[in-house]
Amino acid sequence: MPHLAISKHVDAPPATVWSIVADFANVNWIPVAGVVEVEGEGIGMRRLIHGSGTTPVAETLTSMNADRMELGYSITDNPLPVARFDALVSVRPAGDAATTVTWNVDYDPAGTTEADQTAARDAVEAVYGMMAGWLADASSAREAT
């Protein structure tokens, strides 16, 4: 099972960044998200994010620790070339009014070849690299208001 860690420095306090990450039902900071359906509340809740594809991305909240500023989720239906996907997002102080956000991702490629493994890794890195940038933008915008 491959593992990736994608980190991003954010010029906003951890509490600001965490307030965005911890609001699992609200993904308005992701510009490619269209309609979002939310099922349930708390651990076990699901968000179905409709984007440009025909099938929504289905994400389930698996853990949340506000004291540690960590949130875990799994993705079952998604356009990425992965068969299984689990992520733990952590928000950590990084100096004066700054934060490091890290997605620790465990996944299984959809296929067994080396090309399948490379495609899965590249896709996860690309998507979470974009998400890290969008989260940084949303956090900075929230701090500016």
N, C-alpha and C. Protein backbone atom coordinates (compact mmCIF):
# COMPACT_ATOMS: atom_id res chain seq x y z
N MET A 1 0.84 -1.17 0.00
CA MET A 1 0.00 0.00 0.00
C MET A 1 0.89 1.24 0.00
N PRO A 2 0.89 1.99 -1.08
CA PRO A 2 1.71 3.21 -1.16
C PRO A 2 1.22 4.29 -0.20
N HIS A 3 2.15 5.16 0.17
CA HIS A 3 1.86 6.28 1.06
C HIS A 3 2.50 7.54 0.47
N LEU A 4 1.75 8.64 0.53
CA LEU A 4 2.28 9.94 0.13
C LEU A 4 1.99 10.95 1.22
N ALA A 5 2.87 11.91 1.38
CA ALA A 5 2.62 13.05 2.27
C ALA A 5 2.76 14.31 1.42
N ILE A 6 1.69 15.09 1.38
CA ILE A 6 1.69 16.34 0.63
C ILE A 6 1.51 17.47 1.64
N SER A 7 2.49 18.37 1.71
CA SER A 7 2.45 19.47 2.69
C SER A 7 2.43 20.81 1.99
N LYS A 8 1.84 21.79 2.67
CA LYS A 8 1.75 23.15 2.14
C LYS A 8 1.89 24.14 3.27
N HIS A 9 2.74 25.14 3.08
CA HIS A 9 2.85 26.26 4.02
C HIS A 9 1.71 27.22 3.72
N VAL A 10 1.02 27.67 4.77
CA VAL A 10 -0.11 28.58 4.62
C VAL A 10 0.16 29.81 5.49
N ASP A 11 0.04 30.98 4.90
CA ASP A 11 0.24 32.23 5.64
C ASP A 11 -1.05 32.64 6.34
N ALA A 12 -1.46 31.82 7.28
CA ALA A 12 -2.64 32.09 8.11
C ALA A 12 -2.47 31.28 9.39
N PRO A 13 -3.06 31.73 10.49
CA PRO A 13 -2.93 31.00 11.75
C PRO A 13 -3.58 29.61 11.68
N PRO A 14 -3.07 28.66 12.44
CA PRO A 14 -3.64 27.32 12.43
C PRO A 14 -5.15 27.28 12.70
N ALA A 15 -5.63 28.12 13.62
CA ALA A 15 -7.07 28.12 13.94
C ALA A 15 -7.90 28.47 12.71
N THR A 16 -7.42 29.38 11.89
CA THR A 16 -8.14 29.76 10.67
C THR A 16 -8.17 28.60 9.69
N VAL A 17 -7.02 27.99 9.48
CA VAL A 17 -6.92 26.87 8.54
C VAL A 17 -7.78 25.70 9.04
N TRP A 18 -7.68 25.40 10.34
CA TRP A 18 -8.45 24.30 10.90
C TRP A 18 -9.95 24.55 10.77
N SER A 19 -10.39 25.77 10.92
CA SER A 19 -11.83 26.05 10.81
C SER A 19 -12.35 25.70 9.42
N ILE A 20 -11.53 25.81 8.42
CA ILE A 20 -11.93 25.45 7.05
C ILE A 20 -11.89 23.93 6.89
N VAL A 21 -10.79 23.31 7.30
CA VAL A 21 -10.64 21.86 7.16
C VAL A 21 -11.71 21.12 7.96
N ALA A 22 -11.97 21.55 9.18
CA ALA A 22 -12.87 20.84 10.09
C ALA A 22 -14.34 20.94 9.68
N ASP A 23 -14.68 21.89 8.84
CA ASP A 23 -16.06 22.02 8.36
C ASP A 23 -16.23 21.07 7.17
N PHE A 24 -16.31 19.77 7.48
CA PHE A 24 -16.27 18.72 6.46
C PHE A 24 -17.40 18.84 5.43
N ALA A 25 -18.54 19.36 5.85
CA ALA A 25 -19.68 19.47 4.93
C ALA A 25 -19.54 20.63 3.95
N ASN A 26 -18.62 21.54 4.21
CA ASN A 26 -18.49 22.75 3.40
C ASN A 26 -17.18 22.70 2.60
N VAL A 27 -17.30 22.56 1.31
CA VAL A 27 -16.11 22.54 0.46
C VAL A 27 -16.13 23.70 -0.54
N ASN A 28 -16.71 24.82 -0.13
CA ASN A 28 -16.77 25.96 -1.05
C ASN A 28 -15.39 26.53 -1.37
N TRP A 29 -14.36 26.09 -0.65
CA TRP A 29 -13.00 26.53 -0.94
C TRP A 29 -12.37 25.75 -2.10
N ILE A 30 -13.07 24.70 -2.56
CA ILE A 30 -12.58 23.92 -3.70
C ILE A 30 -13.30 24.43 -4.95
N PRO A 31 -12.61 25.18 -5.81
CA PRO A 31 -13.30 25.84 -6.92
C PRO A 31 -13.92 24.89 -7.94
N VAL A 32 -13.46 23.65 -8.03
CA VAL A 32 -14.01 22.73 -9.02
C VAL A 32 -15.19 21.94 -8.47
N ALA A 33 -15.52 22.14 -7.19
CA ALA A 33 -16.67 21.44 -6.60
C ALA A 33 -17.94 22.15 -7.03
N GLY A 34 -18.88 21.37 -7.52
CA GLY A 34 -20.18 21.92 -7.87
C GLY A 34 -21.13 21.71 -6.70
N VAL A 35 -22.20 21.00 -6.95
CA VAL A 35 -23.16 20.68 -5.90
C VAL A 35 -22.55 19.67 -4.94
N VAL A 36 -22.77 19.88 -3.65
CA VAL A 36 -22.29 18.94 -2.63
C VAL A 36 -23.49 18.45 -1.84
N GLU A 37 -23.67 17.13 -1.82
CA GLU A 37 -24.71 16.52 -1.00
C GLU A 37 -24.06 16.01 0.27
N VAL A 38 -24.70 16.24 1.41
CA VAL A 38 -24.16 15.79 2.69
C VAL A 38 -25.15 14.81 3.31
N GLU A 39 -24.61 13.67 3.76
CA GLU A 39 -25.43 12.65 4.41
C GLU A 39 -24.90 12.44 5.82
N GLY A 40 -25.74 12.70 6.82
CA GLY A 40 -25.36 12.46 8.21
C GLY A 40 -24.57 13.61 8.80
N GLU A 41 -24.11 13.36 10.04
CA GLU A 41 -23.30 14.34 10.77
C GLU A 41 -22.21 13.61 11.54
N GLY A 42 -21.11 14.29 11.79
CA GLY A 42 -20.03 13.73 12.61
C GLY A 42 -19.34 12.57 11.92
N ILE A 43 -18.63 11.77 12.73
CA ILE A 43 -17.89 10.62 12.19
C ILE A 43 -18.87 9.72 11.44
N GLY A 44 -18.50 9.33 10.25
CA GLY A 44 -19.36 8.51 9.40
C GLY A 44 -20.15 9.31 8.37
N MET A 45 -20.19 10.64 8.54
CA MET A 45 -20.92 11.45 7.55
C MET A 45 -20.24 11.34 6.20
N ARG A 46 -21.03 11.55 5.16
CA ARG A 46 -20.50 11.49 3.79
C ARG A 46 -20.79 12.80 3.07
N ARG A 47 -19.86 13.17 2.23
CA ARG A 47 -20.11 14.28 1.32
C ARG A 47 -19.91 13.75 -0.10
N LEU A 48 -20.87 14.05 -0.94
CA LEU A 48 -20.83 13.65 -2.34
C LEU A 48 -20.59 14.93 -3.14
N ILE A 49 -19.40 15.03 -3.69
CA ILE A 49 -18.98 16.25 -4.39
C ILE A 49 -19.16 16.04 -5.89
N HIS A 50 -20.07 16.80 -6.47
CA HIS A 50 -20.32 16.73 -7.91
C HIS A 50 -19.42 17.75 -8.59
N GLY A 51 -18.58 17.25 -9.45
CA GLY A 51 -17.70 18.13 -10.22
C GLY A 51 -18.05 18.02 -11.69
N SER A 52 -17.05 17.93 -12.53
CA SER A 52 -17.28 17.89 -13.97
C SER A 52 -17.64 16.49 -14.47
N GLY A 53 -17.37 15.46 -13.68
CA GLY A 53 -17.68 14.09 -14.09
C GLY A 53 -19.12 13.72 -13.82
N THR A 54 -19.50 12.54 -14.27
CA THR A 54 -20.88 12.09 -14.08
C THR A 54 -21.11 11.48 -12.70
N THR A 55 -20.07 10.93 -12.11
CA THR A 55 -20.18 10.30 -10.79
C THR A 55 -19.57 11.22 -9.74
N PRO A 56 -20.30 11.50 -8.66
CA PRO A 56 -19.71 12.36 -7.62
C PRO A 56 -18.59 11.65 -6.88
N VAL A 57 -17.69 12.43 -6.32
CA VAL A 57 -16.65 11.90 -5.44
C VAL A 57 -17.30 11.71 -4.08
N ALA A 58 -17.24 10.48 -3.55
CA ALA A 58 -17.86 10.16 -2.26
C ALA A 58 -16.78 10.07 -1.19
N GLU A 59 -16.85 10.98 -0.21
CA GLU A 59 -15.87 11.03 0.87
C GLU A 59 -16.58 10.81 2.20
N THR A 60 -16.00 9.97 3.05
CA THR A 60 -16.58 9.65 4.35
C THR A 60 -15.62 10.11 5.45
N LEU A 61 -16.14 10.87 6.40
CA LEU A 61 -15.35 11.33 7.55
C LEU A 61 -15.09 10.13 8.46
N THR A 62 -13.82 9.80 8.69
CA THR A 62 -13.48 8.63 9.50
C THR A 62 -12.94 8.98 10.88
N SER A 63 -12.43 10.19 11.04
CA SER A 63 -11.93 10.61 12.36
C SER A 63 -11.81 12.13 12.40
N MET A 64 -11.92 12.66 13.63
CA MET A 64 -11.68 14.09 13.82
C MET A 64 -11.20 14.30 15.24
N ASN A 65 -10.07 14.99 15.37
CA ASN A 65 -9.51 15.31 16.67
C ASN A 65 -9.20 16.81 16.66
N ALA A 66 -10.12 17.58 17.23
CA ALA A 66 -9.97 19.04 17.22
C ALA A 66 -8.75 19.49 18.02
N ASP A 67 -8.45 18.80 19.13
CA ASP A 67 -7.29 19.18 19.94
C ASP A 67 -5.99 19.03 19.16
N ARG A 68 -5.90 17.98 18.37
CA ARG A 68 -4.69 17.74 17.56
C ARG A 68 -4.79 18.38 16.17
N MET A 69 -5.95 18.94 15.84
CA MET A 69 -6.23 19.50 14.52
C MET A 69 -5.91 18.48 13.43
N GLU A 70 -6.58 17.32 13.54
CA GLU A 70 -6.44 16.25 12.57
C GLU A 70 -7.81 15.74 12.15
N LEU A 71 -7.93 15.44 10.88
CA LEU A 71 -9.18 14.95 10.32
C LEU A 71 -8.85 13.83 9.35
N GLY A 72 -9.57 12.71 9.45
CA GLY A 72 -9.36 11.60 8.55
C GLY A 72 -10.59 11.35 7.69
N TYR A 73 -10.36 10.92 6.47
CA TYR A 73 -11.48 10.56 5.60
C TYR A 73 -11.04 9.52 4.58
N SER A 74 -12.04 8.81 4.06
CA SER A 74 -11.80 7.84 3.00
C SER A 74 -12.61 8.26 1.78
N ILE A 75 -12.12 7.86 0.63
CA ILE A 75 -12.82 8.14 -0.62
C ILE A 75 -13.13 6.79 -1.27
N THR A 76 -14.42 6.58 -1.56
CA THR A 76 -14.80 5.32 -2.18
C THR A 76 -15.05 5.48 -3.68
N ASP A 77 -15.80 6.47 -4.06
CA ASP A 77 -16.06 6.71 -5.48
C ASP A 77 -15.29 7.96 -5.88
N ASN A 78 -14.40 7.80 -6.86
CA ASN A 78 -13.61 8.95 -7.29
C ASN A 78 -13.07 8.72 -8.68
N PRO A 79 -12.67 9.78 -9.35
CA PRO A 79 -12.14 9.65 -10.71
C PRO A 79 -10.66 9.28 -10.75
N LEU A 80 -10.01 9.19 -9.61
CA LEU A 80 -8.58 8.87 -9.59
C LEU A 80 -8.37 7.38 -9.87
N PRO A 81 -7.22 7.02 -10.40
CA PRO A 81 -6.94 5.61 -10.70
C PRO A 81 -6.48 4.85 -9.44
N VAL A 82 -7.32 4.91 -8.40
CA VAL A 82 -7.02 4.22 -7.15
C VAL A 82 -8.20 3.35 -6.75
N ALA A 83 -7.91 2.22 -6.10
CA ALA A 83 -8.96 1.31 -5.65
C ALA A 83 -9.35 1.59 -4.20
N ARG A 84 -8.43 2.12 -3.43
CA ARG A 84 -8.68 2.45 -2.02
C ARG A 84 -7.92 3.72 -1.71
N PHE A 85 -8.53 4.57 -0.87
CA PHE A 85 -7.92 5.86 -0.58
C PHE A 85 -8.30 6.28 0.83
N ASP A 86 -7.32 6.51 1.69
CA ASP A 86 -7.53 7.02 3.04
C ASP A 86 -6.56 8.17 3.27
N ALA A 87 -7.06 9.24 3.88
CA ALA A 87 -6.22 10.42 4.13
C ALA A 87 -6.38 10.89 5.56
N LEU A 88 -5.30 11.41 6.11
CA LEU A 88 -5.31 12.09 7.40
C LEU A 88 -4.73 13.48 7.15
N VAL A 89 -5.54 14.50 7.41
CA VAL A 89 -5.12 15.89 7.24
C VAL A 89 -4.71 16.42 8.60
N SER A 90 -3.52 16.99 8.69
CA SER A 90 -3.07 17.59 9.95
C SER A 90 -2.72 19.05 9.71
N VAL A 91 -3.07 19.87 10.70
CA VAL A 91 -2.82 21.31 10.67
C VAL A 91 -1.87 21.61 11.81
N ARG A 92 -0.70 22.18 11.50
CA ARG A 92 0.33 22.42 12.52
C ARG A 92 0.84 23.86 12.45
N PRO A 93 1.15 24.45 13.62
CA PRO A 93 1.76 25.78 13.62
C PRO A 93 3.10 25.76 12.90
N ALA A 94 3.40 26.87 12.22
CA ALA A 94 4.67 26.99 11.51
C ALA A 94 5.21 28.41 11.66
N GLY A 95 5.37 28.84 12.89
CA GLY A 95 5.87 30.19 13.13
C GLY A 95 4.74 31.16 13.39
N ASP A 96 5.07 32.45 13.36
CA ASP A 96 4.08 33.50 13.61
C ASP A 96 2.98 33.49 12.56
N ALA A 97 1.76 33.24 13.01
CA ALA A 97 0.57 33.30 12.14
C ALA A 97 0.74 32.51 10.85
N ALA A 98 1.40 31.37 10.94
CA ALA A 98 1.58 30.52 9.76
C ALA A 98 1.30 29.07 10.14
N THR A 99 1.04 28.28 9.12
CA THR A 99 0.59 26.91 9.32
C THR A 99 1.22 26.00 8.27
N THR A 100 1.44 24.76 8.65
CA THR A 100 1.74 23.72 7.68
C THR A 100 0.58 22.74 7.69
N VAL A 101 0.01 22.50 6.52
CA VAL A 101 -1.06 21.52 6.36
C VAL A 101 -0.45 20.33 5.64
N THR A 102 -0.70 19.13 6.16
CA THR A 102 -0.17 17.92 5.54
C THR A 102 -1.29 16.92 5.34
N TRP A 103 -1.37 16.40 4.13
CA TRP A 103 -2.25 15.27 3.82
C TRP A 103 -1.36 14.04 3.79
N ASN A 104 -1.59 13.10 4.71
CA ASN A 104 -0.94 11.80 4.68
C ASN A 104 -1.93 10.85 4.02
N VAL A 105 -1.56 10.34 2.86
CA VAL A 105 -2.48 9.57 2.03
C VAL A 105 -1.96 8.15 1.86
N ASP A 106 -2.83 7.18 2.16
CA ASP A 106 -2.58 5.77 1.87
C ASP A 106 -3.56 5.36 0.78
N TYR A 107 -3.07 4.67 -0.22
CA TYR A 107 -3.95 4.31 -1.34
C TYR A 107 -3.46 3.02 -1.99
N ASP A 108 -4.35 2.40 -2.74
CA ASP A 108 -4.01 1.26 -3.57
C ASP A 108 -4.27 1.64 -5.02
N PRO A 109 -3.29 1.47 -5.89
CA PRO A 109 -3.53 1.75 -7.31
C PRO A 109 -4.65 0.85 -7.84
N ALA A 110 -5.36 1.33 -8.86
CA ALA A 110 -6.46 0.56 -9.44
C ALA A 110 -5.96 -0.68 -10.18
N GLY A 111 -4.73 -0.66 -10.65
CA GLY A 111 -4.18 -1.80 -11.37
C GLY A 111 -2.91 -2.30 -10.71
N THR A 112 -2.31 -3.31 -11.32
CA THR A 112 -1.14 -3.95 -10.70
C THR A 112 0.17 -3.67 -11.42
N THR A 113 0.11 -3.01 -12.57
CA THR A 113 1.35 -2.78 -13.31
C THR A 113 2.10 -1.57 -12.75
N GLU A 114 3.34 -1.45 -13.15
CA GLU A 114 4.13 -0.28 -12.74
C GLU A 114 3.51 1.00 -13.28
N ALA A 115 2.97 0.94 -14.50
CA ALA A 115 2.30 2.11 -15.08
C ALA A 115 1.08 2.51 -14.25
N ASP A 116 0.33 1.51 -13.74
CA ASP A 116 -0.83 1.80 -12.87
C ASP A 116 -0.37 2.48 -11.59
N GLN A 117 0.73 2.00 -11.02
CA GLN A 117 1.25 2.58 -9.78
C GLN A 117 1.70 4.02 -10.01
N THR A 118 2.38 4.26 -11.12
CA THR A 118 2.84 5.61 -11.45
C THR A 118 1.66 6.54 -11.69
N ALA A 119 0.65 6.06 -12.42
CA ALA A 119 -0.53 6.89 -12.71
C ALA A 119 -1.26 7.26 -11.42
N ALA A 120 -1.39 6.30 -10.51
CA ALA A 120 -2.07 6.56 -9.23
C ALA A 120 -1.30 7.60 -8.42
N ARG A 121 0.01 7.41 -8.28
CA ARG A 121 0.84 8.35 -7.51
C ARG A 121 0.78 9.75 -8.12
N ASP A 122 0.94 9.83 -9.43
CA ASP A 122 0.93 11.14 -10.10
C ASP A 122 -0.42 11.83 -9.92
N ALA A 123 -1.51 11.08 -10.02
CA ALA A 123 -2.85 11.67 -9.88
C ALA A 123 -3.08 12.18 -8.46
N VAL A 124 -2.71 11.38 -7.46
CA VAL A 124 -2.89 11.80 -6.06
C VAL A 124 -2.04 13.04 -5.78
N GLU A 125 -0.79 13.04 -6.22
CA GLU A 125 0.07 14.21 -6.01
C GLU A 125 -0.50 15.45 -6.68
N ALA A 126 -1.01 15.32 -7.89
CA ALA A 126 -1.54 16.47 -8.61
C ALA A 126 -2.79 17.02 -7.92
N VAL A 127 -3.73 16.15 -7.58
CA VAL A 127 -4.99 16.60 -6.96
C VAL A 127 -4.72 17.25 -5.62
N TYR A 128 -3.90 16.63 -4.79
CA TYR A 128 -3.68 17.19 -3.45
C TYR A 128 -2.74 18.39 -3.47
N GLY A 129 -1.91 18.49 -4.48
CA GLY A 129 -1.14 19.72 -4.67
C GLY A 129 -2.07 20.89 -4.96
N MET A 130 -3.08 20.65 -5.82
CA MET A 130 -4.06 21.71 -6.10
C MET A 130 -4.89 22.03 -4.86
N MET A 131 -5.34 21.00 -4.15
CA MET A 131 -6.15 21.24 -2.96
C MET A 131 -5.39 22.03 -1.91
N ALA A 132 -4.11 21.74 -1.75
CA ALA A 132 -3.30 22.49 -0.79
C ALA A 132 -3.25 23.97 -1.18
N GLY A 133 -3.11 24.25 -2.45
CA GLY A 133 -3.10 25.63 -2.91
C GLY A 133 -4.44 26.32 -2.69
N TRP A 134 -5.54 25.62 -2.97
CA TRP A 134 -6.87 26.20 -2.76
C TRP A 134 -7.12 26.47 -1.28
N LEU A 135 -6.68 25.55 -0.42
CA LEU A 135 -6.85 25.75 1.02
C LEU A 135 -6.04 26.95 1.49
N ALA A 136 -4.83 27.10 0.98
CA ALA A 136 -4.00 28.26 1.33
C ALA A 136 -4.69 29.55 0.89
N ASP A 137 -5.24 29.56 -0.32
CA ASP A 137 -5.94 30.75 -0.81
C ASP A 137 -7.16 31.08 0.06
N ALA A 138 -7.95 30.05 0.41
CA ALA A 138 -9.15 30.27 1.22
C ALA A 138 -8.78 30.76 2.61
N SER A 139 -7.72 30.21 3.18
CA SER A 139 -7.29 30.62 4.52
C SER A 139 -6.81 32.07 4.51
N SER A 140 -6.02 32.43 3.50
CA SER A 140 -5.54 33.81 3.40
C SER A 140 -6.70 34.78 3.20
N ALA A 141 -7.67 34.39 2.38
CA ALA A 141 -8.84 35.25 2.14
C ALA A 141 -9.65 35.42 3.42
N ARG A 142 -9.81 34.35 4.18
CA ARG A 142 -10.57 34.45 5.43
C ARG A 142 -9.84 35.36 6.42
N GLU A 143 -8.53 35.30 6.46
CA GLU A 143 -7.75 36.15 7.36
C GLU A 143 -7.85 37.62 6.96
N ALA A 144 -7.99 37.88 5.68
CA ALA A 144 -8.04 39.25 5.19
C ALA A 144 -9.36 39.95 5.49
N THR A 145 -10.39 39.17 5.83
CA THR A 145 -11.71 39.78 6.09
C THR A 145 -11.90 40.13 7.54
